[in-house]
Amino acid sequence: AAVALLAIFLPGFLLMASMLPLWGQVARFAAAPRVLAGINAAVVGLLAAALYDPVLKTAVETRTDVLIAAVATVFLLLTRRSPLWVVAWCVGASMATRLLGS
């Protein structure tokens, strides 16, 4: 497990450590904020694709599942509670739905 952990995180840490001395020089370029905004947009797109393909295509199957996901999203956006509460609510709602046969 330790080897796998190192294999996953070590390249990113090495890249970050190698860029730290150059970061001051890179930040002086006028295009740096635009480049970072583009990278940020690409990461958001990748995360959205990763949410859609394995999660939404396999976990959300019925209208009830869509309703549970929508309520969870509203609850997460409108309250300042921990996301664990939203996960607990989703699990409870899903279990209740399956037990009631809806």
PDB file of N, CA and C in Angstrom:
ATOM      1  N   ALA A   1       0.826  -1.193   0.000  1.00  0.00           N
ATOM      2  CA  ALA A   1       0.000   0.000   0.000  1.00  0.00           C
ATOM      3  C   ALA A   1       0.870   1.256   0.000  1.00  0.00           C
ATOM      4  N   ALA A   2       1.978   1.206   0.712  1.00  0.00           N
ATOM      5  CA  ALA A   2       2.873   2.372   0.764  1.00  0.00           C
ATOM      6  C   ALA A   2       3.506   2.626  -0.596  1.00  0.00           C
ATOM      7  N   VAL A   3       3.845   1.559  -1.303  1.00  0.00           N
ATOM      8  CA  VAL A   3       4.434   1.721  -2.635  1.00  0.00           C
ATOM      9  C   VAL A   3       3.415   2.337  -3.590  1.00  0.00           C
ATOM     10  N   ALA A   4       2.175   1.881  -3.512  1.00  0.00           N
ATOM     11  CA  ALA A   4       1.126   2.439  -4.360  1.00  0.00           C
ATOM     12  C   ALA A   4       0.886   3.909  -4.031  1.00  0.00           C
ATOM     13  N   LEU A   5       0.897   4.233  -2.759  1.00  0.00           N
ATOM     14  CA  LEU A   5       0.721   5.617  -2.350  1.00  0.00           C
ATOM     15  C   LEU A   5       1.838   6.499  -2.893  1.00  0.00           C
ATOM     16  N   LEU A   6       3.055   6.034  -2.794  1.00  0.00           N
ATOM     17  CA  LEU A   6       4.187   6.782  -3.352  1.00  0.00           C
ATOM     18  C   LEU A   6       4.084   6.899  -4.867  1.00  0.00           C
ATOM     19  N   ALA A   7       3.691   5.826  -5.536  1.00  0.00           N
ATOM     20  CA  ALA A   7       3.587   5.848  -6.989  1.00  0.00           C
ATOM     21  C   ALA A   7       2.530   6.838  -7.462  1.00  0.00           C
ATOM     22  N   ILE A   8       1.498   7.032  -6.670  1.00  0.00           N
ATOM     23  CA  ILE A   8       0.433   7.954  -7.058  1.00  0.00           C
ATOM     24  C   ILE A   8       0.836   9.403  -6.800  1.00  0.00           C
ATOM     25  N   PHE A   9       1.367   9.685  -5.621  1.00  0.00           N
ATOM     26  CA  PHE A   9       1.571  11.072  -5.218  1.00  0.00           C
ATOM     27  C   PHE A   9       2.977  11.609  -5.452  1.00  0.00           C
ATOM     28  N   LEU A  10       3.979  10.773  -5.550  1.00  0.00           N
ATOM     29  CA  LEU A  10       5.350  11.245  -5.691  1.00  0.00           C
ATOM     30  C   LEU A  10       5.588  12.061  -6.961  1.00  0.00           C
ATOM     31  N   PRO A  11       5.059  11.687  -8.137  1.00  0.00           N
ATOM     32  CA  PRO A  11       5.295  12.523  -9.317  1.00  0.00           C
ATOM     33  C   PRO A  11       4.772  13.952  -9.166  1.00  0.00           C
ATOM     34  N   GLY A  12       3.608  14.096  -8.580  1.00  0.00           N
ATOM     35  CA  GLY A  12       3.064  15.442  -8.374  1.00  0.00           C
ATOM     36  C   GLY A  12       3.894  16.254  -7.397  1.00  0.00           C
ATOM     37  N   PHE A  13       4.329  15.614  -6.322  1.00  0.00           N
ATOM     38  CA  PHE A  13       5.181  16.319  -5.355  1.00  0.00           C
ATOM     39  C   PHE A  13       6.513  16.704  -5.974  1.00  0.00           C
ATOM     40  N   LEU A  14       7.093  15.824  -6.774  1.00  0.00           N
ATOM     41  CA  LEU A  14       8.363  16.154  -7.424  1.00  0.00           C
ATOM     42  C   LEU A  14       8.193  17.294  -8.423  1.00  0.00           C
ATOM     43  N   LEU A  15       7.103  17.270  -9.173  1.00  0.00           N
ATOM     44  CA  LEU A  15       6.838  18.359 -10.112  1.00  0.00           C
ATOM     45  C   LEU A  15       6.651  19.675  -9.380  1.00  0.00           C
ATOM     46  N   MET A  16       5.903  19.641  -8.286  1.00  0.00           N
ATOM     47  CA  MET A  16       5.694  20.860  -7.511  1.00  0.00           C
ATOM     48  C   MET A  16       7.005  21.364  -6.917  1.00  0.00           C
ATOM     49  N   ALA A  17       7.804  20.468  -6.376  1.00  0.00           N
ATOM     50  CA  ALA A  17       9.078  20.865  -5.786  1.00  0.00           C
ATOM     51  C   ALA A  17      10.030  21.418  -6.839  1.00  0.00           C
ATOM     52  N   SER A  18       9.981  20.893  -8.042  1.00  0.00           N
ATOM     53  CA  SER A  18      10.869  21.403  -9.089  1.00  0.00           C
ATOM     54  C   SER A  18      10.415  22.754  -9.615  1.00  0.00           C
ATOM     55  N   MET A  19       9.116  23.051  -9.521  1.00  0.00           N
ATOM     56  CA  MET A  19       8.608  24.330 -10.025  1.00  0.00           C
ATOM     57  C   MET A  19       8.686  25.463  -9.001  1.00  0.00           C
ATOM     58  N   LEU A  20       8.825  25.155  -7.732  1.00  0.00           N
ATOM     59  CA  LEU A  20       8.834  26.214  -6.716  1.00  0.00           C
ATOM     60  C   LEU A  20       9.907  27.268  -6.950  1.00  0.00           C
ATOM     61  N   PRO A  21      11.150  26.908  -7.291  1.00  0.00           N
ATOM     62  CA  PRO A  21      12.135  27.961  -7.529  1.00  0.00           C
ATOM     63  C   PRO A  21      11.805  28.843  -8.736  1.00  0.00           C
ATOM     64  N   LEU A  22      11.097  28.295  -9.708  1.00  0.00           N
ATOM     65  CA  LEU A  22      10.772  29.054 -10.913  1.00  0.00           C
ATOM     66  C   LEU A  22       9.447  29.798 -10.822  1.00  0.00           C
ATOM     67  N   TRP A  23       8.665  29.542  -9.781  1.00  0.00           N
ATOM     68  CA  TRP A  23       7.314  30.102  -9.711  1.00  0.00           C
ATOM     69  C   TRP A  23       7.318  31.628  -9.702  1.00  0.00           C
ATOM     70  N   GLY A  24       8.275  32.228  -9.024  1.00  0.00           N
ATOM     71  CA  GLY A  24       8.353  33.695  -9.006  1.00  0.00           C
ATOM     72  C   GLY A  24       8.574  34.266 -10.396  1.00  0.00           C
ATOM     73  N   GLN A  25       9.404  33.609 -11.179  1.00  0.00           N
ATOM     74  CA  GLN A  25       9.654  34.074 -12.547  1.00  0.00           C
ATOM     75  C   GLN A  25       8.435  33.851 -13.440  1.00  0.00           C
ATOM     76  N   VAL A  26       7.769  32.723 -13.271  1.00  0.00           N
ATOM     77  CA  VAL A  26       6.587  32.433 -14.087  1.00  0.00           C
ATOM     78  C   VAL A  26       5.462  33.406 -13.761  1.00  0.00           C
ATOM     79  N   ALA A  27       5.306  33.756 -12.497  1.00  0.00           N
ATOM     80  CA  ALA A  27       4.215  34.647 -12.084  1.00  0.00           C
ATOM     81  C   ALA A  27       4.395  36.056 -12.627  1.00  0.00           C
ATOM     82  N   ARG A  28       5.603  36.431 -13.033  1.00  0.00           N
ATOM     83  CA  ARG A  28       5.833  37.775 -13.567  1.00  0.00           C
ATOM     84  C   ARG A  28       5.335  37.946 -14.997  1.00  0.00           C
ATOM     85  N   PHE A  29       5.130  36.862 -15.703  1.00  0.00           N
ATOM     86  CA  PHE A  29       4.642  36.962 -17.077  1.00  0.00           C
ATOM     87  C   PHE A  29       3.210  37.475 -17.083  1.00  0.00           C
ATOM     88  N   ALA A  30       2.903  38.316 -18.062  1.00  0.00           N
ATOM     89  CA  ALA A  30       1.563  38.896 -18.142  1.00  0.00           C
ATOM     90  C   ALA A  30       0.511  37.837 -18.467  1.00  0.00           C
ATOM     91  N   ALA A  31       0.904  36.795 -19.177  1.00  0.00           N
ATOM     92  CA  ALA A  31      -0.058  35.769 -19.588  1.00  0.00           C
ATOM     93  C   ALA A  31      -0.287  34.713 -18.514  1.00  0.00           C
ATOM     94  N   ALA A  32       0.462  34.754 -17.437  1.00  0.00           N
ATOM     95  CA  ALA A  32       0.359  33.713 -16.407  1.00  0.00           C
ATOM     96  C   ALA A  32      -1.051  33.558 -15.837  1.00  0.00           C
ATOM     97  N   PRO A  33      -1.744  34.631 -15.472  1.00  0.00           N
ATOM     98  CA  PRO A  33      -3.108  34.441 -14.940  1.00  0.00           C
ATOM     99  C   PRO A  33      -4.061  33.819 -15.961  1.00  0.00           C
ATOM    100  N   ARG A  34      -3.903  34.175 -17.234  1.00  0.00           N
ATOM    101  CA  ARG A  34      -4.773  33.599 -18.267  1.00  0.00           C
ATOM    102  C   ARG A  34      -4.473  32.116 -18.478  1.00  0.00           C
ATOM    103  N   VAL A  35      -3.199  31.777 -18.434  1.00  0.00           N
ATOM    104  CA  VAL A  35      -2.829  30.369 -18.587  1.00  0.00           C
ATOM    105  C   VAL A  35      -3.372  29.552 -17.418  1.00  0.00           C
ATOM    106  N   LEU A  36      -3.233  30.074 -16.207  1.00  0.00           N
ATOM    107  CA  LEU A  36      -3.742  29.352 -15.040  1.00  0.00           C
ATOM    108  C   LEU A  36      -5.259  29.245 -15.065  1.00  0.00           C
ATOM    109  N   ALA A  37      -5.940  30.273 -15.575  1.00  0.00           N
ATOM    110  CA  ALA A  37      -7.402  30.200 -15.705  1.00  0.00           C
ATOM    111  C   ALA A  37      -7.797  29.123 -16.710  1.00  0.00           C
ATOM    112  N   GLY A  38      -7.037  28.997 -17.788  1.00  0.00           N
ATOM    113  CA  GLY A  38      -7.310  27.942 -18.767  1.00  0.00           C
ATOM    114  C   GLY A  38      -7.075  26.563 -18.192  1.00  0.00           C
ATOM    115  N   ILE A  39      -6.005  26.408 -17.433  1.00  0.00           N
ATOM    116  CA  ILE A  39      -5.733  25.120 -16.787  1.00  0.00           C
ATOM    117  C   ILE A  39      -6.837  24.790 -15.788  1.00  0.00           C
ATOM    118  N   ASN A  40      -7.278  25.798 -15.045  1.00  0.00           N
ATOM    119  CA  ASN A  40      -8.361  25.591 -14.081  1.00  0.00           C
ATOM    120  C   ASN A  40      -9.639  25.151 -14.795  1.00  0.00           C
ATOM    121  N   ALA A  41      -9.956  25.768 -15.926  1.00  0.00           N
ATOM    122  CA  ALA A  41     -11.154  25.385 -16.682  1.00  0.00           C
ATOM    123  C   ALA A  41     -11.037  23.958 -17.198  1.00  0.00           C
ATOM    124  N   ALA A  42      -9.856  23.565 -17.627  1.00  0.00           N
ATOM    125  CA  ALA A  42      -9.652  22.195 -18.110  1.00  0.00           C
ATOM    126  C   ALA A  42      -9.838  21.189 -16.983  1.00  0.00           C
ATOM    127  N   VAL A  43      -9.351  21.508 -15.805  1.00  0.00           N
ATOM    128  CA  VAL A  43      -9.510  20.611 -14.658  1.00  0.00           C
ATOM    129  C   VAL A  43     -10.982  20.487 -14.275  1.00  0.00           C
ATOM    130  N   VAL A  44     -11.707  21.594 -14.298  1.00  0.00           N
ATOM    131  CA  VAL A  44     -13.140  21.543 -13.992  1.00  0.00           C
ATOM    132  C   VAL A  44     -13.872  20.673 -15.011  1.00  0.00           C
ATOM    133  N   GLY A  45     -13.504  20.789 -16.283  1.00  0.00           N
ATOM    134  CA  GLY A  45     -14.112  19.948 -17.314  1.00  0.00           C
ATOM    135  C   GLY A  45     -13.824  18.477 -17.105  1.00  0.00           C
ATOM    136  N   LEU A  46     -12.595  18.151 -16.734  1.00  0.00           N
ATOM    137  CA  LEU A  46     -12.243  16.757 -16.463  1.00  0.00           C
ATOM    138  C   LEU A  46     -13.009  16.218 -15.262  1.00  0.00           C
ATOM    139  N   LEU A  47     -13.154  17.042 -14.224  1.00  0.00           N
ATOM    140  CA  LEU A  47     -13.915  16.600 -13.052  1.00  0.00           C
ATOM    141  C   LEU A  47     -15.391  16.401 -13.396  1.00  0.00           C
ATOM    142  N   ALA A  48     -15.946  17.274 -14.226  1.00  0.00           N
ATOM    143  CA  ALA A  48     -17.341  17.107 -14.637  1.00  0.00           C
ATOM    144  C   ALA A  48     -17.517  15.830 -15.455  1.00  0.00           C
ATOM    145  N   ALA A  49     -16.567  15.553 -16.345  1.00  0.00           N
ATOM    146  CA  ALA A  49     -16.639  14.320 -17.130  1.00  0.00           C
ATOM    147  C   ALA A  49     -16.499  13.097 -16.233  1.00  0.00           C
ATOM    148  N   ALA A  50     -15.632  13.184 -15.233  1.00  0.00           N
ATOM    149  CA  ALA A  50     -15.458  12.070 -14.305  1.00  0.00           C
ATOM    150  C   ALA A  50     -16.700  11.871 -13.444  1.00  0.00           C
ATOM    151  N   LEU A  51     -17.433  12.938 -13.171  1.00  0.00           N
ATOM    152  CA  LEU A  51     -18.690  12.795 -12.430  1.00  0.00           C
ATOM    153  C   LEU A  51     -19.756  12.157 -13.305  1.00  0.00           C
ATOM    154  N   TYR A  52     -19.836  12.590 -14.550  1.00  0.00           N
ATOM    155  CA  TYR A  52     -20.896  12.107 -15.430  1.00  0.00           C
ATOM    156  C   TYR A  52     -20.751  10.623 -15.753  1.00  0.00           C
ATOM    157  N   ASP A  53     -19.565  10.235 -16.241  1.00  0.00           N
ATOM    158  CA  ASP A  53     -19.448   8.881 -16.789  1.00  0.00           C
ATOM    159  C   ASP A  53     -19.586   7.790 -15.736  1.00  0.00           C
ATOM    160  N   PRO A  54     -18.769   7.718 -14.711  1.00  0.00           N
ATOM    161  CA  PRO A  54     -18.967   6.577 -13.814  1.00  0.00           C
ATOM    162  C   PRO A  54     -20.099   6.768 -12.808  1.00  0.00           C
ATOM    163  N   VAL A  55     -20.388   7.997 -12.420  1.00  0.00           N
ATOM    164  CA  VAL A  55     -21.363   8.204 -11.347  1.00  0.00           C
ATOM    165  C   VAL A  55     -22.777   8.332 -11.892  1.00  0.00           C
ATOM    166  N   LEU A  56     -23.016   9.317 -12.728  1.00  0.00           N
ATOM    167  CA  LEU A  56     -24.383   9.568 -13.171  1.00  0.00           C
ATOM    168  C   LEU A  56     -24.913   8.490 -14.096  1.00  0.00           C
ATOM    169  N   LYS A  57     -24.045   7.875 -14.886  1.00  0.00           N
ATOM    170  CA  LYS A  57     -24.514   6.849 -15.807  1.00  0.00           C
ATOM    171  C   LYS A  57     -24.858   5.537 -15.102  1.00  0.00           C
ATOM    172  N   THR A  58     -24.241   5.284 -13.961  1.00  0.00           N
ATOM    173  CA  THR A  58     -24.487   4.006 -13.289  1.00  0.00           C
ATOM    174  C   THR A  58     -25.326   4.135 -12.026  1.00  0.00           C
ATOM    175  N   ALA A  59     -25.254   5.249 -11.327  1.00  0.00           N
ATOM    176  CA  ALA A  59     -25.932   5.356 -10.036  1.00  0.00           C
ATOM    177  C   ALA A  59     -27.317   5.966 -10.141  1.00  0.00           C
ATOM    178  N   VAL A  60     -27.547   6.839 -11.084  1.00  0.00           N
ATOM    179  CA  VAL A  60     -28.839   7.512 -11.212  1.00  0.00           C
ATOM    180  C   VAL A  60     -29.629   6.785 -12.295  1.00  0.00           C
ATOM    181  N   GLU A  61     -30.559   5.924 -11.837  1.00  0.00           N
ATOM    182  CA  GLU A  61     -31.287   5.072 -12.779  1.00  0.00           C
ATOM    183  C   GLU A  61     -32.766   5.429 -12.913  1.00  0.00           C
ATOM    184  N   THR A  62     -33.377   5.924 -11.850  1.00  0.00           N
ATOM    185  CA  THR A  62     -34.815   6.190 -11.877  1.00  0.00           C
ATOM    186  C   THR A  62     -35.077   7.657 -11.578  1.00  0.00           C
ATOM    187  N   ARG A  63     -36.337   8.044 -11.695  1.00  0.00           N
ATOM    188  CA  ARG A  63     -36.724   9.428 -11.367  1.00  0.00           C
ATOM    189  C   ARG A  63     -36.517   9.718  -9.882  1.00  0.00           C
ATOM    190  N   THR A  64     -36.703   8.693  -9.064  1.00  0.00           N
ATOM    191  CA  THR A  64     -36.481   8.861  -7.628  1.00  0.00           C
ATOM    192  C   THR A  64     -35.015   9.151  -7.348  1.00  0.00           C
ATOM    193  N   ASP A  65     -34.125   8.487  -8.062  1.00  0.00           N
ATOM    194  CA  ASP A  65     -32.697   8.766  -7.907  1.00  0.00           C
ATOM    195  C   ASP A  65     -32.369  10.198  -8.309  1.00  0.00           C
ATOM    196  N   VAL A  66     -32.990  10.672  -9.379  1.00  0.00           N
ATOM    197  CA  VAL A  66     -32.783  12.060  -9.819  1.00  0.00           C
ATOM    198  C   VAL A  66     -33.287  13.022  -8.749  1.00  0.00           C
ATOM    199  N   LEU A  67     -34.436  12.722  -8.159  1.00  0.00           N
ATOM    200  CA  LEU A  67     -34.993  13.566  -7.105  1.00  0.00           C
ATOM    201  C   LEU A  67     -34.077  13.595  -5.882  1.00  0.00           C
ATOM    202  N   ILE A  68     -33.569  12.435  -5.491  1.00  0.00           N
ATOM    203  CA  ILE A  68     -32.649  12.377  -4.347  1.00  0.00           C
ATOM    204  C   ILE A  68     -31.396  13.202  -4.636  1.00  0.00           C
ATOM    205  N   ALA A  69     -30.841  13.067  -5.835  1.00  0.00           N
ATOM    206  CA  ALA A  69     -29.647  13.828  -6.200  1.00  0.00           C
ATOM    207  C   ALA A  69     -29.933  15.325  -6.239  1.00  0.00           C
ATOM    208  N   ALA A  70     -31.104  15.711  -6.738  1.00  0.00           N
ATOM    209  CA  ALA A  70     -31.454  17.133  -6.804  1.00  0.00           C
ATOM    210  C   ALA A  70     -31.632  17.726  -5.407  1.00  0.00           C
ATOM    211  N   VAL A  71     -32.325  17.006  -4.547  1.00  0.00           N
ATOM    212  CA  VAL A  71     -32.508  17.487  -3.171  1.00  0.00           C
ATOM    213  C   VAL A  71     -31.161  17.585  -2.463  1.00  0.00           C
ATOM    214  N   ALA A  72     -30.295  16.605  -2.683  1.00  0.00           N
ATOM    215  CA  ALA A  72     -28.968  16.641  -2.066  1.00  0.00           C
ATOM    216  C   ALA A  72     -28.165  17.831  -2.559  1.00  0.00           C
ATOM    217  N   THR A  73     -28.255  18.130  -3.845  1.00  0.00           N
ATOM    218  CA  THR A  73     -27.536  19.277  -4.401  1.00  0.00           C
ATOM    219  C   THR A  73     -28.046  20.579  -3.810  1.00  0.00           C
ATOM    220  N   VAL A  74     -29.356  20.731  -3.720  1.00  0.00           N
ATOM    221  CA  VAL A  74     -29.937  21.943  -3.128  1.00  0.00           C
ATOM    222  C   VAL A  74     -29.538  22.051  -1.660  1.00  0.00           C
ATOM    223  N   PHE A  75     -29.612  20.941  -0.945  1.00  0.00           N
ATOM    224  CA  PHE A  75     -29.236  20.938   0.468  1.00  0.00           C
ATOM    225  C   PHE A  75     -27.770  21.338   0.643  1.00  0.00           C
ATOM    226  N   LEU A  76     -26.913  20.824  -0.230  1.00  0.00           N
ATOM    227  CA  LEU A  76     -25.491  21.137  -0.138  1.00  0.00           C
ATOM    228  C   LEU A  76     -25.213  22.600  -0.477  1.00  0.00           C
ATOM    229  N   LEU A  77     -25.924  23.141  -1.446  1.00  0.00           N
ATOM    230  CA  LEU A  77     -25.682  24.526  -1.871  1.00  0.00           C
ATOM    231  C   LEU A  77     -26.288  25.556  -0.920  1.00  0.00           C
ATOM    232  N   LEU A  78     -27.426  25.232  -0.330  1.00  0.00           N
ATOM    233  CA  LEU A  78     -28.128  26.236   0.473  1.00  0.00           C
ATOM    234  C   LEU A  78     -27.787  26.202   1.957  1.00  0.00           C
ATOM    235  N   THR A  79     -27.250  25.099   2.443  1.00  0.00           N
ATOM    236  CA  THR A  79     -26.888  25.028   3.856  1.00  0.00           C
ATOM    237  C   THR A  79     -25.380  24.988   3.982  1.00  0.00           C
ATOM    238  N   ARG A  80     -24.907  25.270   5.137  1.00  0.00           N
ATOM    239  CA  ARG A  80     -23.462  25.241   5.390  1.00  0.00           C
ATOM    240  C   ARG A  80     -23.080  24.006   6.200  1.00  0.00           C
ATOM    241  N   ARG A  81     -23.848  22.945   6.046  1.00  0.00           N
ATOM    242  CA  ARG A  81     -23.557  21.706   6.757  1.00  0.00           C
ATOM    243  C   ARG A  81     -22.437  20.942   6.066  1.00  0.00           C
ATOM    244  N   SER A  82     -21.899  20.007   6.808  1.00  0.00           N
ATOM    245  CA  SER A  82     -20.851  19.148   6.265  1.00  0.00           C
ATOM    246  C   SER A  82     -21.418  18.272   5.148  1.00  0.00           C
ATOM    247  N   PRO A  83     -20.640  18.010   4.106  1.00  0.00           N
ATOM    248  CA  PRO A  83     -21.101  17.100   3.049  1.00  0.00           C
ATOM    249  C   PRO A  83     -21.428  15.706   3.566  1.00  0.00           C
ATOM    250  N   LEU A  84     -20.889  15.345   4.728  1.00  0.00           N
ATOM    251  CA  LEU A  84     -21.233  14.046   5.292  1.00  0.00           C
ATOM    252  C   LEU A  84     -22.722  13.941   5.618  1.00  0.00           C
ATOM    253  N   TRP A  85     -23.331  15.060   6.002  1.00  0.00           N
ATOM    254  CA  TRP A  85     -24.775  15.059   6.248  1.00  0.00           C
ATOM    255  C   TRP A  85     -25.533  14.773   4.955  1.00  0.00           C
ATOM    256  N   VAL A  86     -25.072  15.348   3.867  1.00  0.00           N
ATOM    257  CA  VAL A  86     -25.726  15.120   2.575  1.00  0.00           C
ATOM    258  C   VAL A  86     -25.572  13.660   2.160  1.00  0.00           C
ATOM    259  N   VAL A  87     -24.389  13.100   2.348  1.00  0.00           N
ATOM    260  CA  VAL A  87     -24.171  11.688   2.019  1.00  0.00           C
ATOM    261  C   VAL A  87     -25.062  10.808   2.885  1.00  0.00           C
ATOM    262  N   ALA A  88     -25.135  11.113   4.167  1.00  0.00           N
ATOM    263  CA  ALA A  88     -25.986  10.329   5.066  1.00  0.00           C
ATOM    264  C   ALA A  88     -27.450  10.415   4.642  1.00  0.00           C
ATOM    265  N   TRP A  89     -27.893  11.610   4.244  1.00  0.00           N
ATOM    266  CA  TRP A  89     -29.272  11.766   3.794  1.00  0.00           C
ATOM    267  C   TRP A  89     -29.514  10.961   2.518  1.00  0.00           C
ATOM    268  N   CYS A  90     -28.577  11.013   1.594  1.00  0.00           N
ATOM    269  CA  CYS A  90     -28.721  10.267   0.341  1.00  0.00           C
ATOM    270  C   CYS A  90     -28.798   8.761   0.596  1.00  0.00           C
ATOM    271  N   VAL A  91     -27.951   8.272   1.469  1.00  0.00           N
ATOM    272  CA  VAL A  91     -27.970   6.843   1.791  1.00  0.00           C
ATOM    273  C   VAL A  91     -29.306   6.489   2.437  1.00  0.00           C
ATOM    274  N   GLY A  92     -29.747   7.288   3.401  1.00  0.00           N
ATOM    275  CA  GLY A  92     -31.015   7.020   4.070  1.00  0.00           C
ATOM    276  C   GLY A  92     -32.185   7.086   3.109  1.00  0.00           C
ATOM    277  N   ALA A  93     -32.217   8.087   2.248  1.00  0.00           N
ATOM    278  CA  ALA A  93     -33.312   8.213   1.278  1.00  0.00           C
ATOM    279  C   ALA A  93     -33.300   7.056   0.285  1.00  0.00           C
ATOM    280  N   SER A  94     -32.124   6.664  -0.158  1.00  0.00           N
ATOM    281  CA  SER A  94     -32.025   5.545  -1.101  1.00  0.00           C
ATOM    282  C   SER A  94     -32.474   4.245  -0.466  1.00  0.00           C
ATOM    283  N   MET A  95     -32.052   4.009   0.779  1.00  0.00           N
ATOM    284  CA  MET A  95     -32.456   2.790   1.469  1.00  0.00           C
ATOM    285  C   MET A  95     -33.964   2.778   1.709  1.00  0.00           C
ATOM    286  N   ALA A  96     -34.512   3.916   2.114  1.00  0.00           N
ATOM    287  CA  ALA A  96     -35.949   3.987   2.331  1.00  0.00           C
ATOM    288  C   ALA A  96     -36.714   3.758   1.034  1.00  0.00           C
ATOM    289  N   THR A  97     -36.206   4.288  -0.049  1.00  0.00           N
ATOM    290  CA  THR A  97     -36.841   4.095  -1.365  1.00  0.00           C
ATOM    291  C   THR A  97     -36.837   2.638  -1.762  1.00  0.00           C
ATOM    292  N   ARG A  98     -35.717   1.971  -1.566  1.00  0.00           N
ATOM    293  CA  ARG A  98     -35.612   0.543  -1.927  1.00  0.00           C
ATOM    294  C   ARG A  98     -36.483  -0.319  -1.028  1.00  0.00           C
ATOM    295  N   LEU A  99     -36.540   0.021   0.269  1.00  0.00           N
ATOM    296  CA  LEU A  99     -37.348  -0.766   1.200  1.00  0.00           C
ATOM    297  C   LEU A  99     -38.842  -0.592   0.935  1.00  0.00           C
ATOM    298  N   LEU A 100     -39.228   0.619   0.547  1.00  0.00           N
ATOM    299  CA  LEU A 100     -40.652   0.887   0.267  1.00  0.00           C
ATOM    300  C   LEU A 100     -41.036   0.414  -1.123  1.00  0.00           C
ATOM    301  N   GLY A 101     -40.065   0.105  -1.953  1.00  0.00           N
ATOM    302  CA  GLY A 101     -40.365  -0.432  -3.277  1.00  0.00           C
ATOM    303  C   GLY A 101     -40.747   0.588  -4.313  1.00  0.00           C
ATOM    304  N   SER A 102     -40.367   1.843  -4.112  1.00  0.00           N
ATOM    305  CA  SER A 102     -40.708   2.873  -5.099  1.00  0.00           C
ATOM    306  C   SER A 102     -39.736   2.876  -6.236  1.00  0.00           C
TER     307      SER A 102
END
